[in-house]
Amino acid sequence: MSTMYWQNYRTGATDERTEPPTDYSDYIPRNNAALNLYQLYQDIGDTPQEAYIKVMELIIGKGKQP
C-alpha cells in the first residue's frame, strides 16, 4: 500500500501511514463538538471510519446534520 499523509490535530504533525488508522480521533480537529460527535456516531453503531467521514463532511459543509 502507498504512503498516506494524515494531519494529526492532537500533535500538530503530519503522520505518514501505510495503513488507515483504527482510531481516527487524532485526525479530527480539536473541537469538542466534532470529537463528541465522532464518539456519538460510534456509540450508535458506525465504524470509526464511517464516524470520521461523517464528522469531516460536516466540518467542510457537505454532510447532513444528525
Protein backbone atom coordinates (compact mmCIF):
# COMPACT_ATOMS: atom_id res chain seq x y z
CA MET A 1 0.00 0.00 0.00
CA SER A 2 1.26 3.50 -0.70
CA THR A 3 2.04 6.11 1.92
CA MET A 4 -0.81 8.36 3.02
CA TYR A 5 -0.35 11.66 4.85
CA TRP A 6 -2.71 12.44 7.71
CA GLN A 7 -2.90 15.73 9.60
CA ASN A 8 -2.71 14.80 13.28
CA TYR A 9 -4.64 17.52 15.11
CA ARG A 10 -3.61 16.21 18.55
CA THR A 11 0.13 16.56 17.90
CA GLY A 12 0.10 19.17 15.13
CA ALA A 13 2.29 16.92 12.97
CA THR A 14 1.63 15.22 9.67
CA ASP A 15 1.66 11.44 10.06
CA GLU A 16 2.90 9.20 7.27
CA ARG A 17 0.87 6.00 7.29
CA THR A 18 0.77 2.95 5.07
CA GLU A 19 -2.45 1.70 6.68
CA PRO A 20 -5.53 3.67 7.72
CA PRO A 21 -5.84 4.29 11.46
CA THR A 22 -8.12 2.17 13.61
CA ASP A 23 -8.99 5.20 15.76
CA TYR A 24 -9.45 8.45 13.88
CA SER A 25 -9.81 10.75 16.91
CA ASP A 26 -6.31 12.22 16.43
CA TYR A 27 -7.30 13.21 12.89
CA ILE A 28 -10.37 15.24 13.84
CA PRO A 29 -9.87 18.95 14.63
CA ARG A 30 -9.60 19.69 18.35
CA ASN A 31 -13.16 20.90 18.66
CA ASN A 32 -15.29 19.44 21.44
CA ALA A 33 -18.38 19.27 19.25
CA ALA A 34 -16.54 17.40 16.49
CA LEU A 35 -14.86 14.99 18.90
CA ASN A 36 -18.12 14.30 20.76
CA LEU A 37 -19.98 13.77 17.50
CA TYR A 38 -17.29 11.32 16.37
CA GLN A 39 -17.85 9.35 19.59
CA LEU A 40 -21.64 9.60 19.27
CA TYR A 41 -21.61 8.14 15.77
CA GLN A 42 -19.58 5.20 17.04
CA ASP A 43 -21.92 4.76 20.02
CA ILE A 44 -24.86 4.38 17.64
CA GLY A 45 -23.08 1.76 15.55
CA ASP A 46 -20.87 3.44 12.97
CA THR A 47 -17.36 2.15 12.48
CA PRO A 48 -14.56 4.60 13.37
CA GLN A 49 -14.02 5.21 9.65
CA GLU A 50 -17.71 5.91 9.00
CA ALA A 51 -17.85 8.24 12.00
CA TYR A 52 -14.71 10.08 10.82
CA ILE A 53 -16.12 10.57 7.33
CA LYS A 54 -19.44 11.90 8.66
CA VAL A 55 -17.75 14.36 11.02
CA MET A 56 -15.30 15.62 8.41
CA GLU A 57 -18.11 16.06 5.88
CA LEU A 58 -19.97 18.20 8.42
CA ILE A 59 -16.86 20.27 9.03
CA ILE A 60 -16.39 21.02 5.35
CA GLY A 61 -20.11 21.59 4.82
CA LYS A 62 -21.03 18.54 2.74
CA GLY A 63 -22.69 16.34 5.37
CA LYS A 64 -26.14 16.11 6.87
CA GLN A 65 -26.58 17.13 10.47
CA PRO A 66 -27.75 14.33 12.80
